[in-house]
Amino acid sequence: MTGALFGLAFTLAAPFWALMILLPGWSWTRRIIASPLIVLPGLVIYALLVLPALGEVLPAVVSPTLDGLRDLLGTADGAAAAWAHMIAFDLFAGRWSWLDSRARGVPALIMSPVLLLTILLGPLGLLSYLLIRTRYPETGSA
């Protein structure tokens, strides 16, 4: 089941990324991406992986050590849970960036590579957007 959930995590998030990157001007893209529920599949997958292992997970996150986290993430369940966590939070950050960029009038040709970077290396994509957004004051219309 772990392998299936691992594969499902990105598969369920990919359509939302495709909408933001490939169809940013489509009216349905705005309607769909406006809902924070688009991250729900990743959150459910994360819960399915973490809740049964809460006894091992809680000590590793309440009092983290490098060795403890390495041991936790070095298992199939731990790696799959970490992947679902990354997928959900990267999508949440990408969704926020996309919505904010629309309100600021950031061109889609600038946002597409930023969103791609967010998919691949989440925090670096978010950092790049935070830097880019300083050049575009909010217009108030989205």
N, C-alpha and C. Protein backbone atom coordinates (compact mmCIF):
# COMPACT_ATOMS: atom_id res chain seq x y z
N MET A 1 0.81 -1.19 0.00
CA MET A 1 0.00 0.00 0.00
C MET A 1 0.86 1.26 0.00
N THR A 2 2.01 1.20 0.66
CA THR A 2 2.89 2.37 0.73
C THR A 2 3.32 2.83 -0.66
N GLY A 3 3.70 1.89 -1.50
CA GLY A 3 4.13 2.24 -2.86
C GLY A 3 3.02 2.88 -3.66
N ALA A 4 1.82 2.36 -3.51
CA ALA A 4 0.68 2.93 -4.23
C ALA A 4 0.39 4.36 -3.76
N LEU A 5 0.43 4.58 -2.46
CA LEU A 5 0.18 5.93 -1.93
C LEU A 5 1.28 6.89 -2.37
N PHE A 6 2.51 6.41 -2.39
CA PHE A 6 3.63 7.23 -2.86
C PHE A 6 3.36 7.71 -4.29
N GLY A 7 3.00 6.78 -5.16
CA GLY A 7 2.74 7.13 -6.55
C GLY A 7 1.51 8.01 -6.72
N LEU A 8 0.52 7.79 -5.91
CA LEU A 8 -0.71 8.55 -5.99
C LEU A 8 -0.53 10.02 -5.57
N ALA A 9 0.38 10.28 -4.67
CA ALA A 9 0.55 11.63 -4.13
C ALA A 9 0.78 12.65 -5.24
N PHE A 10 1.74 12.41 -6.11
CA PHE A 10 1.99 13.38 -7.17
C PHE A 10 0.96 13.29 -8.28
N THR A 11 0.50 12.08 -8.56
CA THR A 11 -0.49 11.89 -9.61
C THR A 11 -1.74 12.73 -9.35
N LEU A 12 -2.16 12.82 -8.10
CA LEU A 12 -3.35 13.59 -7.76
C LEU A 12 -3.09 15.09 -7.73
N ALA A 13 -1.85 15.49 -7.54
CA ALA A 13 -1.51 16.92 -7.51
C ALA A 13 -1.20 17.46 -8.91
N ALA A 14 -0.71 16.61 -9.80
CA ALA A 14 -0.25 17.05 -11.11
C ALA A 14 -1.28 17.83 -11.93
N PRO A 15 -2.56 17.44 -11.94
CA PRO A 15 -3.51 18.23 -12.74
C PRO A 15 -3.61 19.69 -12.30
N PHE A 16 -3.47 19.95 -11.02
CA PHE A 16 -3.55 21.33 -10.53
C PHE A 16 -2.33 22.14 -10.97
N TRP A 17 -1.17 21.50 -10.94
CA TRP A 17 0.04 22.16 -11.45
C TRP A 17 -0.12 22.44 -12.94
N ALA A 18 -0.65 21.47 -13.68
CA ALA A 18 -0.83 21.65 -15.12
C ALA A 18 -1.75 22.83 -15.41
N LEU A 19 -2.82 22.96 -14.65
CA LEU A 19 -3.73 24.10 -14.85
C LEU A 19 -3.00 25.42 -14.62
N MET A 20 -2.26 25.52 -13.53
CA MET A 20 -1.58 26.79 -13.21
C MET A 20 -0.50 27.13 -14.23
N ILE A 21 0.21 26.11 -14.72
CA ILE A 21 1.34 26.36 -15.62
C ILE A 21 0.89 26.46 -17.08
N LEU A 22 0.04 25.56 -17.51
CA LEU A 22 -0.31 25.47 -18.93
C LEU A 22 -1.57 26.23 -19.32
N LEU A 23 -2.49 26.40 -18.36
CA LEU A 23 -3.75 27.08 -18.66
C LEU A 23 -4.06 28.18 -17.65
N PRO A 24 -3.11 29.10 -17.43
CA PRO A 24 -3.33 30.11 -16.38
C PRO A 24 -4.47 31.08 -16.68
N GLY A 25 -4.81 31.28 -17.94
CA GLY A 25 -5.87 32.22 -18.29
C GLY A 25 -7.25 31.61 -18.44
N TRP A 26 -7.34 30.30 -18.33
CA TRP A 26 -8.63 29.62 -18.48
C TRP A 26 -9.50 29.93 -17.27
N SER A 27 -10.77 30.28 -17.50
CA SER A 27 -11.65 30.68 -16.39
C SER A 27 -11.81 29.55 -15.37
N TRP A 28 -11.81 28.31 -15.80
CA TRP A 28 -11.95 27.19 -14.87
C TRP A 28 -10.71 27.01 -14.00
N THR A 29 -9.56 27.42 -14.50
CA THR A 29 -8.34 27.31 -13.69
C THR A 29 -8.50 28.14 -12.43
N ARG A 30 -8.94 29.36 -12.58
CA ARG A 30 -9.14 30.24 -11.42
C ARG A 30 -10.13 29.63 -10.44
N ARG A 31 -11.22 29.11 -10.94
CA ARG A 31 -12.25 28.53 -10.07
C ARG A 31 -11.71 27.33 -9.29
N ILE A 32 -10.97 26.49 -9.99
CA ILE A 32 -10.45 25.28 -9.35
C ILE A 32 -9.35 25.62 -8.36
N ILE A 33 -8.39 26.42 -8.77
CA ILE A 33 -7.24 26.74 -7.91
C ILE A 33 -7.65 27.61 -6.73
N ALA A 34 -8.76 28.33 -6.84
CA ALA A 34 -9.23 29.16 -5.72
C ALA A 34 -9.56 28.33 -4.49
N SER A 35 -9.87 27.06 -4.68
CA SER A 35 -10.23 26.23 -3.53
C SER A 35 -8.99 25.66 -2.85
N PRO A 36 -8.86 25.91 -1.55
CA PRO A 36 -7.73 25.31 -0.83
C PRO A 36 -7.86 23.79 -0.73
N LEU A 37 -9.02 23.26 -1.09
CA LEU A 37 -9.24 21.82 -1.02
C LEU A 37 -8.43 21.03 -2.04
N ILE A 38 -7.78 21.73 -2.98
CA ILE A 38 -6.96 21.01 -3.96
C ILE A 38 -5.80 20.28 -3.30
N VAL A 39 -5.42 20.70 -2.09
CA VAL A 39 -4.33 20.01 -1.39
C VAL A 39 -4.83 18.83 -0.57
N LEU A 40 -6.14 18.66 -0.49
CA LEU A 40 -6.71 17.60 0.34
C LEU A 40 -6.22 16.19 -0.01
N PRO A 41 -6.11 15.81 -1.28
CA PRO A 41 -5.61 14.45 -1.55
C PRO A 41 -4.23 14.18 -0.93
N GLY A 42 -3.33 15.12 -1.05
CA GLY A 42 -2.00 14.95 -0.44
C GLY A 42 -2.07 14.86 1.07
N LEU A 43 -2.95 15.62 1.66
CA LEU A 43 -3.10 15.59 3.11
C LEU A 43 -3.69 14.25 3.58
N VAL A 44 -4.63 13.73 2.83
CA VAL A 44 -5.22 12.43 3.18
C VAL A 44 -4.18 11.33 3.04
N ILE A 45 -3.41 11.36 1.97
CA ILE A 45 -2.35 10.36 1.79
C ILE A 45 -1.35 10.45 2.93
N TYR A 46 -0.97 11.66 3.30
CA TYR A 46 -0.05 11.85 4.42
C TYR A 46 -0.63 11.24 5.70
N ALA A 47 -1.89 11.53 5.96
CA ALA A 47 -2.55 11.00 7.16
C ALA A 47 -2.59 9.48 7.15
N LEU A 48 -2.88 8.90 5.99
CA LEU A 48 -2.92 7.44 5.88
C LEU A 48 -1.57 6.81 6.17
N LEU A 49 -0.50 7.52 5.86
CA LEU A 49 0.84 6.99 6.09
C LEU A 49 1.34 7.27 7.51
N VAL A 50 1.00 8.42 8.06
CA VAL A 50 1.56 8.84 9.35
C VAL A 50 0.76 8.33 10.54
N LEU A 51 -0.55 8.39 10.46
CA LEU A 51 -1.35 8.04 11.64
C LEU A 51 -1.10 6.62 12.16
N PRO A 52 -0.97 5.62 11.28
CA PRO A 52 -0.67 4.28 11.82
C PRO A 52 0.71 4.18 12.47
N ALA A 53 1.61 5.09 12.13
CA ALA A 53 2.97 5.05 12.67
C ALA A 53 3.22 6.19 13.65
N LEU A 54 2.17 6.74 14.21
CA LEU A 54 2.31 7.91 15.08
C LEU A 54 3.25 7.65 16.25
N GLY A 55 3.28 6.43 16.74
CA GLY A 55 4.18 6.09 17.85
C GLY A 55 5.64 6.26 17.50
N GLU A 56 6.02 6.04 16.26
CA GLU A 56 7.40 6.26 15.83
C GLU A 56 7.63 7.69 15.34
N VAL A 57 6.60 8.29 14.76
CA VAL A 57 6.75 9.62 14.17
C VAL A 57 6.84 10.70 15.24
N LEU A 58 5.96 10.66 16.24
CA LEU A 58 5.93 11.72 17.24
C LEU A 58 7.27 11.94 17.95
N PRO A 59 7.93 10.90 18.45
CA PRO A 59 9.22 11.14 19.10
C PRO A 59 10.25 11.77 18.15
N ALA A 60 10.19 11.39 16.88
CA ALA A 60 11.16 11.92 15.92
C ALA A 60 10.92 13.40 15.60
N VAL A 61 9.67 13.86 15.72
CA VAL A 61 9.40 15.26 15.41
C VAL A 61 9.29 16.15 16.65
N VAL A 62 8.96 15.55 17.79
CA VAL A 62 8.87 16.34 19.03
C VAL A 62 10.26 16.68 19.54
N SER A 63 11.16 15.73 19.43
CA SER A 63 12.54 15.94 19.88
C SER A 63 13.47 15.45 18.77
N PRO A 64 13.54 16.22 17.68
CA PRO A 64 14.26 15.72 16.51
C PRO A 64 15.78 15.67 16.70
N THR A 65 16.34 14.62 16.16
CA THR A 65 17.79 14.50 16.03
C THR A 65 18.04 14.10 14.58
N LEU A 66 19.22 14.39 14.11
CA LEU A 66 19.55 14.02 12.73
C LEU A 66 19.48 12.51 12.53
N ASP A 67 20.02 11.77 13.47
CA ASP A 67 19.98 10.31 13.36
C ASP A 67 18.55 9.78 13.41
N GLY A 68 17.74 10.33 14.30
CA GLY A 68 16.35 9.89 14.42
C GLY A 68 15.56 10.15 13.15
N LEU A 69 15.72 11.34 12.58
CA LEU A 69 15.02 11.66 11.33
C LEU A 69 15.54 10.81 10.18
N ARG A 70 16.84 10.58 10.14
CA ARG A 70 17.41 9.73 9.09
C ARG A 70 16.81 8.33 9.17
N ASP A 71 16.73 7.81 10.37
CA ASP A 71 16.16 6.47 10.55
C ASP A 71 14.69 6.42 10.13
N LEU A 72 13.93 7.44 10.50
CA LEU A 72 12.51 7.48 10.15
C LEU A 72 12.33 7.61 8.64
N LEU A 73 13.06 8.53 8.04
CA LEU A 73 12.90 8.77 6.61
C LEU A 73 13.55 7.69 5.76
N GLY A 74 14.39 6.86 6.37
CA GLY A 74 15.06 5.79 5.67
C GLY A 74 14.19 4.56 5.46
N THR A 75 12.96 4.61 5.92
CA THR A 75 12.03 3.50 5.69
C THR A 75 11.11 3.87 4.53
N ALA A 76 10.49 2.86 3.93
CA ALA A 76 9.55 3.12 2.83
C ALA A 76 8.38 3.98 3.32
N ASP A 77 7.85 3.65 4.48
CA ASP A 77 6.73 4.44 5.02
C ASP A 77 7.15 5.87 5.31
N GLY A 78 8.32 6.04 5.89
CA GLY A 78 8.81 7.38 6.21
C GLY A 78 9.07 8.21 4.97
N ALA A 79 9.69 7.60 3.96
CA ALA A 79 9.96 8.33 2.72
C ALA A 79 8.66 8.68 2.00
N ALA A 80 7.70 7.77 1.98
CA ALA A 80 6.42 8.04 1.33
C ALA A 80 5.66 9.14 2.06
N ALA A 81 5.70 9.12 3.39
CA ALA A 81 5.03 10.17 4.17
C ALA A 81 5.70 11.52 3.92
N ALA A 82 7.02 11.54 3.88
CA ALA A 82 7.74 12.79 3.61
C ALA A 82 7.39 13.30 2.21
N TRP A 83 7.29 12.40 1.25
CA TRP A 83 6.92 12.78 -0.12
C TRP A 83 5.51 13.38 -0.16
N ALA A 84 4.56 12.75 0.50
CA ALA A 84 3.19 13.28 0.53
C ALA A 84 3.17 14.65 1.21
N HIS A 85 3.96 14.81 2.27
CA HIS A 85 4.09 16.09 2.97
C HIS A 85 4.61 17.15 2.01
N MET A 86 5.67 16.83 1.28
CA MET A 86 6.26 17.79 0.34
C MET A 86 5.28 18.13 -0.77
N ILE A 87 4.61 17.12 -1.31
CA ILE A 87 3.66 17.36 -2.40
C ILE A 87 2.54 18.29 -1.94
N ALA A 88 1.99 18.03 -0.77
CA ALA A 88 0.89 18.85 -0.26
C ALA A 88 1.34 20.29 0.01
N PHE A 89 2.48 20.45 0.67
CA PHE A 89 2.92 21.80 1.00
C PHE A 89 3.45 22.55 -0.22
N ASP A 90 4.09 21.85 -1.14
CA ASP A 90 4.53 22.52 -2.37
C ASP A 90 3.32 22.99 -3.17
N LEU A 91 2.27 22.17 -3.24
CA LEU A 91 1.07 22.58 -3.94
C LEU A 91 0.41 23.75 -3.24
N PHE A 92 0.38 23.74 -1.93
CA PHE A 92 -0.19 24.86 -1.19
C PHE A 92 0.59 26.14 -1.46
N ALA A 93 1.93 26.06 -1.44
CA ALA A 93 2.77 27.23 -1.73
C ALA A 93 2.61 27.66 -3.18
N GLY A 94 2.55 26.70 -4.10
CA GLY A 94 2.35 27.04 -5.51
C GLY A 94 1.01 27.68 -5.76
N ARG A 95 -0.01 27.16 -5.10
CA ARG A 95 -1.35 27.73 -5.21
C ARG A 95 -1.37 29.17 -4.71
N TRP A 96 -0.76 29.41 -3.55
CA TRP A 96 -0.71 30.77 -3.01
C TRP A 96 0.06 31.69 -3.97
N SER A 97 1.20 31.22 -4.46
CA SER A 97 2.00 32.03 -5.38
C SER A 97 1.20 32.37 -6.64
N TRP A 98 0.51 31.36 -7.18
CA TRP A 98 -0.25 31.58 -8.41
C TRP A 98 -1.37 32.59 -8.17
N LEU A 99 -2.13 32.42 -7.09
CA LEU A 99 -3.22 33.36 -6.80
C LEU A 99 -2.68 34.76 -6.56
N ASP A 100 -1.60 34.87 -5.80
CA ASP A 100 -1.01 36.17 -5.52
C ASP A 100 -0.47 36.81 -6.80
N SER A 101 0.13 35.99 -7.66
CA SER A 101 0.67 36.52 -8.91
C SER A 101 -0.44 37.06 -9.82
N ARG A 102 -1.59 36.41 -9.78
CA ARG A 102 -2.72 36.89 -10.58
C ARG A 102 -3.20 38.24 -10.05
N ALA A 103 -3.24 38.39 -8.74
CA ALA A 103 -3.67 39.67 -8.14
C ALA A 103 -2.67 40.78 -8.43
N ARG A 104 -1.42 40.42 -8.62
CA ARG A 104 -0.37 41.42 -8.87
C ARG A 104 -0.08 41.64 -10.35
N GLY A 105 -0.66 40.82 -11.19
CA GLY A 105 -0.42 40.97 -12.62
C GLY A 105 0.94 40.46 -13.08
N VAL A 106 1.50 39.50 -12.36
CA VAL A 106 2.76 38.91 -12.79
C VAL A 106 2.48 38.08 -14.04
N PRO A 107 3.23 38.30 -15.11
CA PRO A 107 2.96 37.56 -16.35
C PRO A 107 3.12 36.04 -16.18
N ALA A 108 2.26 35.31 -16.89
CA ALA A 108 2.29 33.84 -16.83
C ALA A 108 3.64 33.30 -17.30
N LEU A 109 4.29 33.99 -18.22
CA LEU A 109 5.60 33.52 -18.69
C LEU A 109 6.67 33.62 -17.62
N ILE A 110 6.47 34.47 -16.64
CA ILE A 110 7.38 34.54 -15.49
C ILE A 110 6.99 33.48 -14.48
N MET A 111 5.68 33.31 -14.29
CA MET A 111 5.21 32.37 -13.26
C MET A 111 5.41 30.90 -13.62
N SER A 112 5.35 30.57 -14.89
CA SER A 112 5.50 29.16 -15.26
C SER A 112 6.81 28.55 -14.77
N PRO A 113 7.97 29.20 -15.01
CA PRO A 113 9.20 28.62 -14.47
C PRO A 113 9.26 28.64 -12.95
N VAL A 114 8.66 29.65 -12.34
CA VAL A 114 8.62 29.71 -10.88
C VAL A 114 7.82 28.53 -10.33
N LEU A 115 6.68 28.25 -10.94
CA LEU A 115 5.86 27.12 -10.50
C LEU A 115 6.57 25.79 -10.75
N LEU A 116 7.25 25.68 -11.86
CA LEU A 116 8.01 24.46 -12.13
C LEU A 116 9.11 24.28 -11.07
N LEU A 117 9.78 25.36 -10.71
CA LEU A 117 10.79 25.30 -9.66
C LEU A 117 10.15 24.92 -8.32
N THR A 118 8.94 25.38 -8.08
CA THR A 118 8.24 25.05 -6.84
C THR A 118 7.88 23.57 -6.80
N ILE A 119 7.51 23.00 -7.95
CA ILE A 119 7.22 21.56 -7.99
C ILE A 119 8.49 20.77 -7.66
N LEU A 120 9.59 21.17 -8.26
CA LEU A 120 10.82 20.39 -8.14
C LEU A 120 11.58 20.63 -6.84
N LEU A 121 11.68 21.88 -6.43
CA LEU A 121 12.47 22.27 -5.26
C LEU A 121 11.70 23.32 -4.47
N GLY A 122 10.57 22.90 -3.90
CA GLY A 122 9.59 23.78 -3.26
C GLY A 122 10.08 25.07 -2.64
N PRO A 123 10.95 25.02 -1.64
CA PRO A 123 11.37 26.26 -1.00
C PRO A 123 12.10 27.22 -1.93
N LEU A 124 12.85 26.71 -2.90
CA LEU A 124 13.54 27.60 -3.84
C LEU A 124 12.54 28.26 -4.78
N GLY A 125 11.49 27.55 -5.15
CA GLY A 125 10.44 28.16 -5.96
C GLY A 125 9.72 29.25 -5.19
N LEU A 126 9.40 28.97 -3.94
CA LEU A 126 8.75 29.98 -3.11
C LEU A 126 9.65 31.19 -2.91
N LEU A 127 10.92 30.96 -2.65
CA LEU A 127 11.87 32.07 -2.50
C LEU A 127 11.93 32.91 -3.76
N SER A 128 11.98 32.24 -4.92
CA SER A 128 12.05 33.01 -6.17
C SER A 128 10.78 33.84 -6.35
N TYR A 129 9.63 33.28 -6.00
CA TYR A 129 8.41 34.06 -6.13
C TYR A 129 8.40 35.24 -5.15
N LEU A 130 8.84 35.02 -3.94
CA LEU A 130 8.87 36.12 -2.97
C LEU A 130 9.76 37.27 -3.46
N LEU A 131 10.82 36.94 -4.15
CA LEU A 131 11.69 37.98 -4.72
C LEU A 131 11.00 38.66 -5.91
N ILE A 132 10.38 37.88 -6.77
CA ILE A 132 9.71 38.42 -7.95
C ILE A 132 8.54 39.32 -7.57
N ARG A 133 7.79 38.93 -6.57
CA ARG A 133 6.58 39.68 -6.22
C ARG A 133 6.87 41.08 -5.73
N THR A 134 8.11 41.34 -5.28
CA THR A 134 8.45 42.69 -4.84
C THR A 134 8.42 43.69 -6.00
N ARG A 135 8.52 43.18 -7.24
CA ARG A 135 8.50 44.03 -8.43
C ARG A 135 7.09 44.34 -8.93
N TYR A 136 6.11 43.69 -8.33
CA TYR A 136 4.73 43.82 -8.80
C TYR A 136 3.82 44.17 -7.65
N PRO A 137 3.48 45.44 -7.47
CA PRO A 137 2.55 45.80 -6.39
C PRO A 137 1.17 45.22 -6.67
N GLU A 138 0.46 44.91 -5.60
CA GLU A 138 -0.88 44.33 -5.73
C GLU A 138 -1.79 45.35 -6.39
N THR A 139 -2.55 44.89 -7.38
CA THR A 139 -3.44 45.78 -8.12
C THR A 139 -4.86 45.78 -7.56
N GLY A 140 -5.19 44.77 -6.79
CA GLY A 140 -6.52 44.68 -6.20
C GLY A 140 -7.50 43.93 -7.07
N SER A 141 -7.14 43.66 -8.32
CA SER A 141 -8.02 42.86 -9.18
C SER A 141 -7.32 41.56 -9.50
N ALA A 142 -8.09 40.50 -9.47
CA ALA A 142 -7.49 39.19 -9.74
C ALA A 142 -8.10 38.54 -10.95
